């Protein structure tokens, strides 16, 4: 069995080393993929991705063609929605993989063009927001060349079924089973209170154009990478789907939705500042208190109290920064 290993950045170096050592002890041939070697994704039997859900999302940004099936690995003190295997369970998982005791689920990705130029594909969602929060953005939505709405809102999200339980759900979009052949389009806090999310066949071509705001606007891929946009965003189904390994157990689409519903119920009881920090960490990744202050514009005391609440509830974990051992960074446990 030929296995490729991938990790999103230096933070996953220790986890990658641990995974590689375990695989070598099991006589599994491994290859760590470098930035220039992502074409090898088609030449192995499977790809193991370290770094939890963020690692999975980043991997499918980098791989723009076909890929061997992918299995995500997360650290012991975290849980994942896309990533399924705790590193402690890797040995038993490899035994199951060797005897092909798994299934492969194909989920489609979004191909994205910004101002006519192709950028990385997205697995969860593509959003447009003004660069300064709490600022309105005007835009026109076109589907297959026909104007559908002219709207003023905080932003707009185009999501896949995989991303329907991510940012889209937080903005009021429906949960959709992963095998559904649809896009979701959600206008965020529209001034038109009759505006509702749209469910669109995934064979459609979506355009968001005539974008204007007091500040420049940005495209956000899967809550991570940002790119300035001037005129038009185009979205359509990507030629190559994401292929995800599913091991039997508590990893079905229904169970993943149940986890998201439980999180949403708990969020209803949280202070607004804690909700904002939680969503910021979800879409920005690990941040320090200083980083959170810049991104949320909350007072430092409010951030400290909110982090204390989230740490106590088990939603956030605190780690030492690899770049500065004196600094603490905070990231999600799921």
C-alpha atoms as a PDB file:
ATOM      1  CA  UNK A   1       0.000   0.000   0.000  1.00  0.00           C
ATOM      2  CA  UNK A   2       1.472   3.320  -1.091  1.00  0.00           C
ATOM      3  CA  UNK A   3       0.590   6.247   1.160  1.00  0.00           C
ATOM      4  CA  UNK A   4       1.297   9.965   0.721  1.00  0.00           C
ATOM      5  CA  UNK A   5       1.381  12.291   3.748  1.00  0.00           C
ATOM      6  CA  UNK A   6       0.352  15.938   3.711  1.00  0.00           C
ATOM      7  CA  UNK A   7       0.253  18.705   6.333  1.00  0.00           C
ATOM      8  CA  UNK A   8      -0.772  22.328   5.988  1.00  0.00           C
ATOM      9  CA  UNK A   9       2.172  24.064   7.685  1.00  0.00           C
ATOM     10  CA  UNK A  10       4.930  23.811  10.282  1.00  0.00           C
ATOM     11  CA  UNK A  11       2.395  23.419  13.091  1.00  0.00           C
ATOM     12  CA  UNK A  12       1.675  19.934  11.776  1.00  0.00           C
ATOM     13  CA  UNK A  13       5.324  18.900  11.564  1.00  0.00           C
ATOM     14  CA  UNK A  14       5.272  16.964  14.853  1.00  0.00           C
ATOM     15  CA  UNK A  15       2.027  15.243  13.907  1.00  0.00           C
ATOM     16  CA  UNK A  16       3.371  14.333  10.474  1.00  0.00           C
ATOM     17  CA  UNK A  17       6.509  12.865  12.049  1.00  0.00           C
ATOM     18  CA  UNK A  18       4.414  10.833  14.465  1.00  0.00           C
ATOM     19  CA  UNK A  19       2.239   9.523  11.631  1.00  0.00           C
ATOM     20  CA  UNK A  20       5.257   8.666   9.453  1.00  0.00           C
ATOM     21  CA  UNK A  21       6.947   6.802  12.312  1.00  0.00           C
ATOM     22  CA  UNK A  22       3.796   4.778  12.987  1.00  0.00           C
ATOM     23  CA  UNK A  23       3.404   3.873   9.312  1.00  0.00           C
ATOM     24  CA  UNK A  24       7.038   2.831   8.990  1.00  0.00           C
ATOM     25  CA  UNK A  25       6.644   0.550  12.002  1.00  0.00           C
ATOM     26  CA  UNK A  26       3.774  -1.108  10.122  1.00  0.00           C
ATOM     27  CA  UNK A  27       5.895  -1.529   6.964  1.00  0.00           C
ATOM     28  CA  UNK A  28       3.772   0.956   5.015  1.00  0.00           C
ATOM     29  CA  UNK A  29       5.634   2.824   2.284  1.00  0.00           C
ATOM     30  CA  UNK A  30       5.159   6.561   2.804  1.00  0.00           C
ATOM     31  CA  UNK A  31       5.968   9.767   0.977  1.00  0.00           C
ATOM     32  CA  UNK A  32       5.636  13.272   2.420  1.00  0.00           C
ATOM     33  CA  UNK A  33       4.198  15.577  -0.215  1.00  0.00           C
ATOM     34  CA  UNK A  34       5.947  18.895  -0.747  1.00  0.00           C
ATOM     35  CA  UNK A  35       4.360  21.943  -2.363  1.00  0.00           C
ATOM     36  CA  UNK A  36       5.768  21.034  -5.766  1.00  0.00           C
ATOM     37  CA  UNK A  37       4.710  17.377  -5.556  1.00  0.00           C
ATOM     38  CA  UNK A  38       0.936  17.503  -5.288  1.00  0.00           C
ATOM     39  CA  UNK A  39       0.643  15.877  -8.721  1.00  0.00           C
ATOM     40  CA  UNK A  40       1.714  12.647  -6.964  1.00  0.00           C
ATOM     41  CA  UNK A  41      -1.714  12.597  -5.317  1.00  0.00           C
ATOM     42  CA  UNK A  42      -2.901  10.470  -8.260  1.00  0.00           C
ATOM     43  CA  UNK A  43      -0.005   8.004  -8.038  1.00  0.00           C
ATOM     44  CA  UNK A  44      -0.609   6.540  -4.570  1.00  0.00           C
ATOM     45  CA  UNK A  45      -3.305   4.354  -3.017  1.00  0.00           C
ATOM     46  CA  UNK A  46      -4.389   6.924  -0.453  1.00  0.00           C
ATOM     47  CA  UNK A  47      -3.416  10.239   1.126  1.00  0.00           C
ATOM     48  CA  UNK A  48      -3.263  10.862   4.876  1.00  0.00           C
ATOM     49  CA  UNK A  49      -3.675  14.530   5.788  1.00  0.00           C
ATOM     50  CA  UNK A  50      -2.518  15.850   9.164  1.00  0.00           C
ATOM     51  CA  UNK A  51      -4.067  18.956  10.652  1.00  0.00           C
ATOM     52  CA  UNK A  52      -7.744  18.129  11.123  1.00  0.00           C
ATOM     53  CA  UNK A  53     -10.436  19.808   9.063  1.00  0.00           C
ATOM     54  CA  UNK A  54      -8.284  22.793   8.148  1.00  0.00           C
ATOM     55  CA  UNK A  55      -5.692  20.376   6.744  1.00  0.00           C
ATOM     56  CA  UNK A  56      -8.341  18.664   4.591  1.00  0.00           C
ATOM     57  CA  UNK A  57      -9.591  21.989   3.229  1.00  0.00           C
ATOM     58  CA  UNK A  58      -6.088  23.198   2.462  1.00  0.00           C
ATOM     59  CA  UNK A  59      -5.189  19.926   0.759  1.00  0.00           C
ATOM     60  CA  UNK A  60      -8.096  20.205  -1.672  1.00  0.00           C
ATOM     61  CA  UNK A  61      -7.101  23.800  -2.428  1.00  0.00           C
ATOM     62  CA  UNK A  62      -3.678  22.618  -3.522  1.00  0.00           C
ATOM     63  CA  UNK A  63      -4.817  19.600  -5.528  1.00  0.00           C
ATOM     64  CA  UNK A  64      -6.607  20.977  -8.565  1.00  0.00           C
ATOM     65  CA  UNK A  65      -6.778  17.680 -10.482  1.00  0.00           C
ATOM     66  CA  UNK A  66      -7.753  14.153  -9.419  1.00  0.00           C
ATOM     67  CA  UNK A  67      -6.525  12.657  -6.144  1.00  0.00           C
ATOM     68  CA  UNK A  68      -6.344   9.303  -4.433  1.00  0.00           C
ATOM     69  CA  UNK A  69      -8.871   8.945  -1.580  1.00  0.00           C
ATOM     70  CA  UNK A  70      -8.058  11.130   1.438  1.00  0.00           C
ATOM     71  CA  UNK A  71      -8.251  10.398   5.169  1.00  0.00           C
ATOM     72  CA  UNK A  72      -7.782  13.217   7.694  1.00  0.00           C
ATOM     73  CA  UNK A  73      -5.939  12.826  10.998  1.00  0.00           C
ATOM     74  CA  UNK A  74      -6.408  15.100  13.993  1.00  0.00           C
ATOM     75  CA  UNK A  75      -4.608  15.467  17.280  1.00  0.00           C
ATOM     76  CA  UNK A  76      -5.704  13.687  20.422  1.00  0.00           C
ATOM     77  CA  UNK A  77      -7.271  16.756  22.058  1.00  0.00           C
ATOM     78  CA  UNK A  78      -9.397  17.698  19.059  1.00  0.00           C
ATOM     79  CA  UNK A  79     -12.269  16.325  17.029  1.00  0.00           C
ATOM     80  CA  UNK A  80     -13.031  16.654  13.360  1.00  0.00           C
ATOM     81  CA  UNK A  81     -15.989  16.861  10.995  1.00  0.00           C
ATOM     82  CA  UNK A  82     -14.046  16.103   7.802  1.00  0.00           C
ATOM     83  CA  UNK A  83     -10.993  14.545   9.461  1.00  0.00           C
ATOM     84  CA  UNK A  84     -11.969  11.251  11.094  1.00  0.00           C
ATOM     85  CA  UNK A  85      -8.975   9.584  12.733  1.00  0.00           C
ATOM     86  CA  UNK A  86      -7.419  10.436  16.075  1.00  0.00           C
ATOM     87  CA  UNK A  87      -3.685   9.897  15.740  1.00  0.00           C
ATOM     88  CA  UNK A  88      -3.913   7.404  18.629  1.00  0.00           C
ATOM     89  CA  UNK A  89      -6.152   5.193  16.478  1.00  0.00           C
ATOM     90  CA  UNK A  90      -3.933   5.274  13.402  1.00  0.00           C
ATOM     91  CA  UNK A  91      -2.567   1.745  13.790  1.00  0.00           C
ATOM     92  CA  UNK A  92      -6.027   0.141  13.900  1.00  0.00           C
ATOM     93  CA  UNK A  93      -7.170   2.379  11.039  1.00  0.00           C
ATOM     94  CA  UNK A  94      -4.265   1.227   8.859  1.00  0.00           C
ATOM     95  CA  UNK A  95      -5.242  -2.399   9.502  1.00  0.00           C
ATOM     96  CA  UNK A  96      -8.728  -1.637   8.247  1.00  0.00           C
ATOM     97  CA  UNK A  97      -7.392   0.238   5.242  1.00  0.00           C
ATOM     98  CA  UNK A  98      -5.172  -2.716   4.308  1.00  0.00           C
ATOM     99  CA  UNK A  99      -8.160  -5.049   4.240  1.00  0.00           C
ATOM    100  CA  UNK A 100     -10.234  -2.414   2.359  1.00  0.00           C
ATOM    101  CA  UNK A 101     -12.701  -2.102   5.229  1.00  0.00           C
ATOM    102  CA  UNK A 102     -13.809   1.378   4.215  1.00  0.00           C
ATOM    103  CA  UNK A 103     -15.860   3.246   1.664  1.00  0.00           C
ATOM    104  CA  UNK A 104     -14.984   6.248  -0.500  1.00  0.00           C
ATOM    105  CA  UNK A 105     -17.391   9.158  -0.709  1.00  0.00           C
ATOM    106  CA  UNK A 106     -17.144  11.611  -3.590  1.00  0.00           C
ATOM    107  CA  UNK A 107     -18.272  15.183  -2.879  1.00  0.00           C
ATOM    108  CA  UNK A 108     -18.083  17.926  -5.447  1.00  0.00           C
ATOM    109  CA  UNK A 109     -15.955  21.036  -5.148  1.00  0.00           C
ATOM    110  CA  UNK A 110     -16.502  24.604  -6.314  1.00  0.00           C
ATOM    111  CA  UNK A 111     -14.423  25.922  -9.193  1.00  0.00           C
ATOM    112  CA  UNK A 112     -13.874  29.637  -8.632  1.00  0.00           C
ATOM    113  CA  UNK A 113     -12.950  32.575 -10.851  1.00  0.00           C
ATOM    114  CA  UNK A 114     -12.269  36.050  -9.469  1.00  0.00           C
ATOM    115  CA  UNK A 115     -12.401  38.856 -12.009  1.00  0.00           C
ATOM    116  CA  UNK A 116     -11.986  36.279 -14.777  1.00  0.00           C
ATOM    117  CA  UNK A 117      -8.971  34.511 -13.235  1.00  0.00           C
ATOM    118  CA  UNK A 118      -9.178  30.963 -11.843  1.00  0.00           C
ATOM    119  CA  UNK A 119      -8.104  30.506  -8.226  1.00  0.00           C
ATOM    120  CA  UNK A 120      -8.007  27.488  -5.898  1.00  0.00           C
ATOM    121  CA  UNK A 121     -11.131  25.308  -5.776  1.00  0.00           C
ATOM    122  CA  UNK A 122     -13.192  25.280  -2.572  1.00  0.00           C
ATOM    123  CA  UNK A 123     -14.639  22.317  -0.695  1.00  0.00           C
ATOM    124  CA  UNK A 124     -16.981  24.068   1.762  1.00  0.00           C
ATOM    125  CA  UNK A 125     -17.839  27.524   0.522  1.00  0.00           C
ATOM    126  CA  UNK A 126     -16.880  30.732  -1.218  1.00  0.00           C
ATOM    127  CA  UNK A 127     -17.939  34.033   0.325  1.00  0.00           C
ATOM    128  CA  UNK A 128     -17.644  37.724  -0.485  1.00  0.00           C
ATOM    129  CA  UNK A 129     -17.487  40.321   2.282  1.00  0.00           C
ATOM    130  CA  UNK A 130     -16.310  43.910   2.612  1.00  0.00           C
ATOM    131  CA  UNK A 131     -12.816  44.122   4.085  1.00  0.00           C
ATOM    132  CA  UNK A 132     -14.233  46.038   7.061  1.00  0.00           C
ATOM    133  CA  UNK A 133     -16.867  44.240   9.100  1.00  0.00           C
ATOM    134  CA  UNK A 134     -20.377  45.691   9.673  1.00  0.00           C
ATOM    135  CA  UNK A 135     -20.248  47.358   6.249  1.00  0.00           C
ATOM    136  CA  UNK A 136     -22.916  46.829   3.617  1.00  0.00           C
ATOM    137  CA  UNK A 137     -22.128  45.349   0.231  1.00  0.00           C
ATOM    138  CA  UNK A 138     -24.301  45.764  -2.848  1.00  0.00           C
ATOM    139  CA  UNK A 139     -24.288  43.019  -5.462  1.00  0.00           C
ATOM    140  CA  UNK A 140     -26.214  41.286  -8.236  1.00  0.00           C
ATOM    141  CA  UNK A 141     -26.674  37.501  -8.309  1.00  0.00           C
ATOM    142  CA  UNK A 142     -26.958  35.848 -11.724  1.00  0.00           C
ATOM    143  CA  UNK A 143     -27.692  32.174 -12.332  1.00  0.00           C
ATOM    144  CA  UNK A 144     -27.015  30.818 -15.826  1.00  0.00           C
ATOM    145  CA  UNK A 145     -26.830  34.384 -17.120  1.00  0.00           C
ATOM    146  CA  UNK A 146     -30.156  35.549 -15.670  1.00  0.00           C
ATOM    147  CA  UNK A 147     -30.449  38.159 -12.907  1.00  0.00           C
ATOM    148  CA  UNK A 148     -31.990  36.619  -9.777  1.00  0.00           C
ATOM    149  CA  UNK A 149     -31.618  39.409  -7.212  1.00  0.00           C
ATOM    150  CA  UNK A 150     -30.077  42.809  -6.586  1.00  0.00           C
ATOM    151  CA  UNK A 151     -29.236  42.927  -2.894  1.00  0.00           C
ATOM    152  CA  UNK A 152     -27.677  44.954  -0.091  1.00  0.00           C
ATOM    153  CA  UNK A 153     -26.259  42.813   2.705  1.00  0.00           C
ATOM    154  CA  UNK A 154     -23.235  42.114   4.891  1.00  0.00           C
ATOM    155  CA  UNK A 155     -22.043  39.611   2.288  1.00  0.00           C
ATOM    156  CA  UNK A 156     -22.952  36.504   0.333  1.00  0.00           C
ATOM    157  CA  UNK A 157     -22.012  32.810   0.639  1.00  0.00           C
ATOM    158  CA  UNK A 158     -22.046  30.084  -2.014  1.00  0.00           C
ATOM    159  CA  UNK A 159     -21.778  26.675  -0.343  1.00  0.00           C
ATOM    160  CA  UNK A 160     -21.592  23.015  -1.301  1.00  0.00           C
ATOM    161  CA  UNK A 161     -23.551  20.349   0.610  1.00  0.00           C
ATOM    162  CA  UNK A 162     -20.303  19.598   2.483  1.00  0.00           C
ATOM    163  CA  UNK A 163     -20.172  23.247   3.548  1.00  0.00           C
ATOM    164  CA  UNK A 164     -23.865  23.471   4.397  1.00  0.00           C
ATOM    165  CA  UNK A 165     -23.074  22.750   8.055  1.00  0.00           C
ATOM    166  CA  UNK A 166     -20.279  25.330   8.179  1.00  0.00           C
ATOM    167  CA  UNK A 167     -20.534  29.097   7.631  1.00  0.00           C
ATOM    168  CA  UNK A 168     -23.703  28.775   5.561  1.00  0.00           C
ATOM    169  CA  UNK A 169     -25.618  27.211   8.454  1.00  0.00           C
ATOM    170  CA  UNK A 170     -24.443  29.928  10.840  1.00  0.00           C
ATOM    171  CA  UNK A 171     -25.844  32.525   8.409  1.00  0.00           C
ATOM    172  CA  UNK A 172     -29.257  30.855   8.261  1.00  0.00           C
ATOM    173  CA  UNK A 173     -28.786  28.388   5.398  1.00  0.00           C
ATOM    174  CA  UNK A 174     -30.265  24.865   5.460  1.00  0.00           C
ATOM    175  CA  UNK A 175     -28.363  21.666   6.228  1.00  0.00           C
ATOM    176  CA  UNK A 176     -28.077  19.497   3.097  1.00  0.00           C
ATOM    177  CA  UNK A 177     -27.020  15.861   2.826  1.00  0.00           C
ATOM    178  CA  UNK A 178     -23.576  15.576   1.245  1.00  0.00           C
ATOM    179  CA  UNK A 179     -24.714  13.563  -1.769  1.00  0.00           C
ATOM    180  CA  UNK A 180     -27.196  16.218  -2.877  1.00  0.00           C
ATOM    181  CA  UNK A 181     -26.421  17.759  -6.271  1.00  0.00           C
ATOM    182  CA  UNK A 182     -27.020  21.376  -5.311  1.00  0.00           C
ATOM    183  CA  UNK A 183     -25.388  24.689  -4.429  1.00  0.00           C
ATOM    184  CA  UNK A 184     -26.607  26.910  -1.609  1.00  0.00           C
ATOM    185  CA  UNK A 185     -26.637  30.696  -1.964  1.00  0.00           C
ATOM    186  CA  UNK A 186     -27.052  32.669   1.269  1.00  0.00           C
ATOM    187  CA  UNK A 187     -27.259  36.451   1.556  1.00  0.00           C
ATOM    188  CA  UNK A 188     -25.884  37.420   4.973  1.00  0.00           C
ATOM    189  CA  UNK A 189     -28.057  39.885   6.922  1.00  0.00           C
ATOM    190  CA  UNK A 190     -29.815  41.266   3.859  1.00  0.00           C
ATOM    191  CA  UNK A 191     -31.674  44.572   4.160  1.00  0.00           C
ATOM    192  CA  UNK A 192     -34.543  42.776   2.407  1.00  0.00           C
ATOM    193  CA  UNK A 193     -36.102  40.724   5.206  1.00  0.00           C
ATOM    194  CA  UNK A 194     -37.905  38.549   2.657  1.00  0.00           C
ATOM    195  CA  UNK A 195     -34.590  37.363   1.213  1.00  0.00           C
ATOM    196  CA  UNK A 196     -34.181  33.623   1.777  1.00  0.00           C
ATOM    197  CA  UNK A 197     -31.383  31.168   0.957  1.00  0.00           C
ATOM    198  CA  UNK A 198     -31.507  29.617  -2.507  1.00  0.00           C
ATOM    199  CA  UNK A 199     -30.988  25.965  -3.375  1.00  0.00           C
ATOM    200  CA  UNK A 200     -29.646  25.710  -6.925  1.00  0.00           C
ATOM    201  CA  UNK A 201     -28.781  22.676  -9.121  1.00  0.00           C
ATOM    202  CA  UNK A 202     -25.031  22.187  -9.138  1.00  0.00           C
ATOM    203  CA  UNK A 203     -24.970  22.144 -12.936  1.00  0.00           C
ATOM    204  CA  UNK A 204     -25.729  25.866 -12.798  1.00  0.00           C
ATOM    205  CA  UNK A 205     -23.184  28.638 -13.251  1.00  0.00           C
ATOM    206  CA  UNK A 206     -23.363  31.365 -10.617  1.00  0.00           C
ATOM    207  CA  UNK A 207     -22.111  34.929 -10.982  1.00  0.00           C
ATOM    208  CA  UNK A 208     -21.938  37.593  -8.293  1.00  0.00           C
ATOM    209  CA  UNK A 209     -21.273  40.875 -10.007  1.00  0.00           C
ATOM    210  CA  UNK A 210     -21.692  44.676  -9.825  1.00  0.00           C
ATOM    211  CA  UNK A 211     -20.095  44.494  -6.365  1.00  0.00           C
ATOM    212  CA  UNK A 212     -19.849  47.827  -4.557  1.00  0.00           C
ATOM    213  CA  UNK A 213     -19.072  48.855  -0.983  1.00  0.00           C
ATOM    214  CA  UNK A 214     -17.475  51.723   0.947  1.00  0.00           C
ATOM    215  CA  UNK A 215     -14.398  49.527   1.397  1.00  0.00           C
ATOM    216  CA  UNK A 216     -12.807  47.018  -0.964  1.00  0.00           C
ATOM    217  CA  UNK A 217     -14.369  43.565  -0.921  1.00  0.00           C
ATOM    218  CA  UNK A 218     -12.690  40.177  -0.506  1.00  0.00           C
ATOM    219  CA  UNK A 219     -13.382  36.637  -1.625  1.00  0.00           C
ATOM    220  CA  UNK A 220     -12.924  34.136   1.227  1.00  0.00           C
ATOM    221  CA  UNK A 221     -12.264  30.482   0.334  1.00  0.00           C
ATOM    222  CA  UNK A 222     -13.368  27.948   2.958  1.00  0.00           C
ATOM    223  CA  UNK A 223     -13.033  30.583   5.644  1.00  0.00           C
ATOM    224  CA  UNK A 224      -9.276  30.857   5.080  1.00  0.00           C
ATOM    225  CA  UNK A 225      -7.578  32.301   2.032  1.00  0.00           C
ATOM    226  CA  UNK A 226      -8.639  35.852   1.108  1.00  0.00           C
ATOM    227  CA  UNK A 227      -8.328  37.648  -2.198  1.00  0.00           C
ATOM    228  CA  UNK A 228      -9.473  41.108  -3.210  1.00  0.00           C
ATOM    229  CA  UNK A 229     -12.259  41.244  -5.767  1.00  0.00           C
ATOM    230  CA  UNK A 230     -13.171  44.190  -7.988  1.00  0.00           C
ATOM    231  CA  UNK A 231     -15.914  43.084 -10.352  1.00  0.00           C
ATOM    232  CA  UNK A 232     -17.156  39.494 -10.608  1.00  0.00           C
ATOM    233  CA  UNK A 233     -17.083  36.131  -8.862  1.00  0.00           C
ATOM    234  CA  UNK A 234     -17.941  33.031 -10.894  1.00  0.00           C
ATOM    235  CA  UNK A 235     -18.709  29.637  -9.304  1.00  0.00           C
ATOM    236  CA  UNK A 236     -19.466  26.287 -10.910  1.00  0.00           C
ATOM    237  CA  UNK A 237     -18.950  22.597 -10.193  1.00  0.00           C
ATOM    238  CA  UNK A 238     -15.283  21.615 -10.352  1.00  0.00           C
ATOM    239  CA  UNK A 239     -14.270  18.915 -12.831  1.00  0.00           C
ATOM    240  CA  UNK A 240     -12.634  16.754 -10.117  1.00  0.00           C
ATOM    241  CA  UNK A 241     -14.526  15.908  -6.902  1.00  0.00           C
ATOM    242  CA  UNK A 242     -12.986  15.406  -3.471  1.00  0.00           C
ATOM    243  CA  UNK A 243     -12.735  11.718  -2.571  1.00  0.00           C
ATOM    244  CA  UNK A 244     -12.994  11.133   1.181  1.00  0.00           C
ATOM    245  CA  UNK A 245     -12.381   7.834   2.957  1.00  0.00           C
ATOM    246  CA  UNK A 246     -15.191   6.873   5.328  1.00  0.00           C
ATOM    247  CA  UNK A 247     -14.567   4.276   8.019  1.00  0.00           C
ATOM    248  CA  UNK A 248     -17.605   2.584   9.541  1.00  0.00           C
ATOM    249  CA  UNK A 249     -18.646   4.069  12.864  1.00  0.00           C
ATOM    250  CA  UNK A 250     -19.745   7.488  14.017  1.00  0.00           C
ATOM    251  CA  UNK A 251     -18.802   9.255  10.783  1.00  0.00           C
ATOM    252  CA  UNK A 252     -22.001   9.201   8.766  1.00  0.00           C
ATOM    253  CA  UNK A 253     -23.476  12.348   7.306  1.00  0.00           C
ATOM    254  CA  UNK A 254     -26.310  12.141   9.824  1.00  0.00           C
ATOM    255  CA  UNK A 255     -23.942  11.916  12.795  1.00  0.00           C
ATOM    256  CA  UNK A 256     -21.878  14.840  11.520  1.00  0.00           C
ATOM    257  CA  UNK A 257     -25.042  16.903  11.239  1.00  0.00           C
ATOM    258  CA  UNK A 258     -26.027  15.880  14.769  1.00  0.00           C
ATOM    259  CA  UNK A 259     -22.693  17.194  16.055  1.00  0.00           C
ATOM    260  CA  UNK A 260     -23.259  20.486  14.259  1.00  0.00           C
ATOM    261  CA  UNK A 261     -26.800  20.788  15.607  1.00  0.00           C
ATOM    262  CA  UNK A 262     -25.522  20.235  19.156  1.00  0.00           C
ATOM    263  CA  UNK A 263     -22.915  22.967  18.632  1.00  0.00           C
ATOM    264  CA  UNK A 264     -25.578  25.328  17.279  1.00  0.00           C
ATOM    265  CA  UNK A 265     -27.804  24.682  20.310  1.00  0.00           C
ATOM    266  CA  UNK A 266     -24.920  25.409  22.662  1.00  0.00           C
ATOM    267  CA  UNK A 267     -24.096  28.598  20.760  1.00  0.00           C
ATOM    268  CA  UNK A 268     -27.582  29.938  21.514  1.00  0.00           C
ATOM    269  CA  UNK A 269     -26.577  30.060  25.186  1.00  0.00           C
ATOM    270  CA  UNK A 270     -23.237  31.778  24.584  1.00  0.00           C
ATOM    271  CA  UNK A 271     -22.538  35.503  25.002  1.00  0.00           C
ATOM    272  CA  UNK A 272     -22.356  37.285  21.612  1.00  0.00           C
ATOM    273  CA  UNK A 273     -18.638  37.966  22.075  1.00  0.00           C
ATOM    274  CA  UNK A 274     -17.929  34.240  22.602  1.00  0.00           C
ATOM    275  CA  UNK A 275     -19.883  33.398  19.431  1.00  0.00           C
ATOM    276  CA  UNK A 276     -17.862  35.940  17.454  1.00  0.00           C
ATOM    277  CA  UNK A 277     -14.566  34.537  18.735  1.00  0.00           C
ATOM    278  CA  UNK A 278     -15.687  30.975  18.025  1.00  0.00           C
ATOM    279  CA  UNK A 279     -16.585  31.793  14.421  1.00  0.00           C
ATOM    280  CA  UNK A 280     -13.389  33.830  13.966  1.00  0.00           C
ATOM    281  CA  UNK A 281     -11.276  30.863  15.091  1.00  0.00           C
ATOM    282  CA  UNK A 282     -13.297  28.554  12.850  1.00  0.00           C
ATOM    283  CA  UNK A 283     -12.566  30.579   9.738  1.00  0.00           C
ATOM    284  CA  UNK A 284      -9.177  32.106  10.540  1.00  0.00           C
ATOM    285  CA  UNK A 285      -7.487  29.178  12.301  1.00  0.00           C
ATOM    286  CA  UNK A 286      -5.326  29.421  15.439  1.00  0.00           C
ATOM    287  CA  UNK A 287      -4.883  32.995  16.724  1.00  0.00           C
ATOM    288  CA  UNK A 288      -3.356  34.807  19.684  1.00  0.00           C
ATOM    289  CA  UNK A 289      -5.342  37.188  21.895  1.00  0.00           C
ATOM    290  CA  UNK A 290      -3.732  40.077  20.038  1.00  0.00           C
ATOM    291  CA  UNK A 291      -4.781  38.607  16.671  1.00  0.00           C
ATOM    292  CA  UNK A 292      -8.340  38.140  17.955  1.00  0.00           C
ATOM    293  CA  UNK A 293      -8.465  41.763  19.097  1.00  0.00           C
ATOM    294  CA  UNK A 294      -7.479  42.937  15.606  1.00  0.00           C
ATOM    295  CA  UNK A 295      -9.958  40.699  13.781  1.00  0.00           C
ATOM    296  CA  UNK A 296     -12.961  41.063  16.096  1.00  0.00           C
ATOM    297  CA  UNK A 297     -12.329  44.642  17.331  1.00  0.00           C
ATOM    298  CA  UNK A 298     -13.476  43.505  20.790  1.00  0.00           C
ATOM    299  CA  UNK A 299     -11.892  44.953  23.974  1.00  0.00           C
ATOM    300  CA  UNK A 300      -9.057  42.843  25.391  1.00  0.00           C
ATOM    301  CA  UNK A 301     -10.954  42.228  28.643  1.00  0.00           C
ATOM    302  CA  UNK A 302     -13.965  40.926  26.693  1.00  0.00           C
ATOM    303  CA  UNK A 303     -11.702  38.611  24.704  1.00  0.00           C
ATOM    304  CA  UNK A 304     -10.115  37.239  27.885  1.00  0.00           C
ATOM    305  CA  UNK A 305     -13.516  36.549  29.474  1.00  0.00           C
ATOM    306  CA  UNK A 306     -14.888  34.972  26.301  1.00  0.00           C
ATOM    307  CA  UNK A 307     -11.830  32.742  25.874  1.00  0.00           C
ATOM    308  CA  UNK A 308     -12.145  31.659  29.503  1.00  0.00           C
ATOM    309  CA  UNK A 309     -15.775  30.682  28.824  1.00  0.00           C
ATOM    310  CA  UNK A 310     -14.894  28.774  25.646  1.00  0.00           C
ATOM    311  CA  UNK A 311     -11.961  27.006  27.317  1.00  0.00           C
ATOM    312  CA  UNK A 312     -14.182  25.986  30.221  1.00  0.00           C
ATOM    313  CA  UNK A 313     -16.846  24.622  27.852  1.00  0.00           C
ATOM    314  CA  UNK A 314     -14.245  22.630  25.930  1.00  0.00           C
ATOM    315  CA  UNK A 315     -14.703  24.350  22.564  1.00  0.00           C
ATOM    316  CA  UNK A 316     -11.269  25.977  22.457  1.00  0.00           C
ATOM    317  CA  UNK A 317      -7.820  24.781  23.408  1.00  0.00           C
ATOM    318  CA  UNK A 318      -4.745  26.826  24.321  1.00  0.00           C
ATOM    319  CA  UNK A 319      -1.319  25.995  22.905  1.00  0.00           C
ATOM    320  CA  UNK A 320       2.169  27.446  22.955  1.00  0.00           C
ATOM    321  CA  UNK A 321       3.101  29.225  19.744  1.00  0.00           C
ATOM    322  CA  UNK A 322       5.888  27.503  17.814  1.00  0.00           C
ATOM    323  CA  UNK A 323       7.108  30.894  16.639  1.00  0.00           C
ATOM    324  CA  UNK A 324       7.285  32.456  20.115  1.00  0.00           C
ATOM    325  CA  UNK A 325       7.259  30.199  23.189  1.00  0.00           C
ATOM    326  CA  UNK A 326       6.149  33.155  25.349  1.00  0.00           C
ATOM    327  CA  UNK A 327       2.935  33.530  23.381  1.00  0.00           C
ATOM    328  CA  UNK A 328      -0.246  31.461  23.642  1.00  0.00           C
ATOM    329  CA  UNK A 329      -2.479  30.735  20.680  1.00  0.00           C
ATOM    330  CA  UNK A 330      -6.065  29.518  20.700  1.00  0.00           C
ATOM    331  CA  UNK A 331      -7.761  27.128  18.289  1.00  0.00           C
ATOM    332  CA  UNK A 332     -10.915  25.066  18.057  1.00  0.00           C
ATOM    333  CA  UNK A 333     -11.185  21.560  19.450  1.00  0.00           C
ATOM    334  CA  UNK A 334     -13.444  20.439  16.582  1.00  0.00           C
END
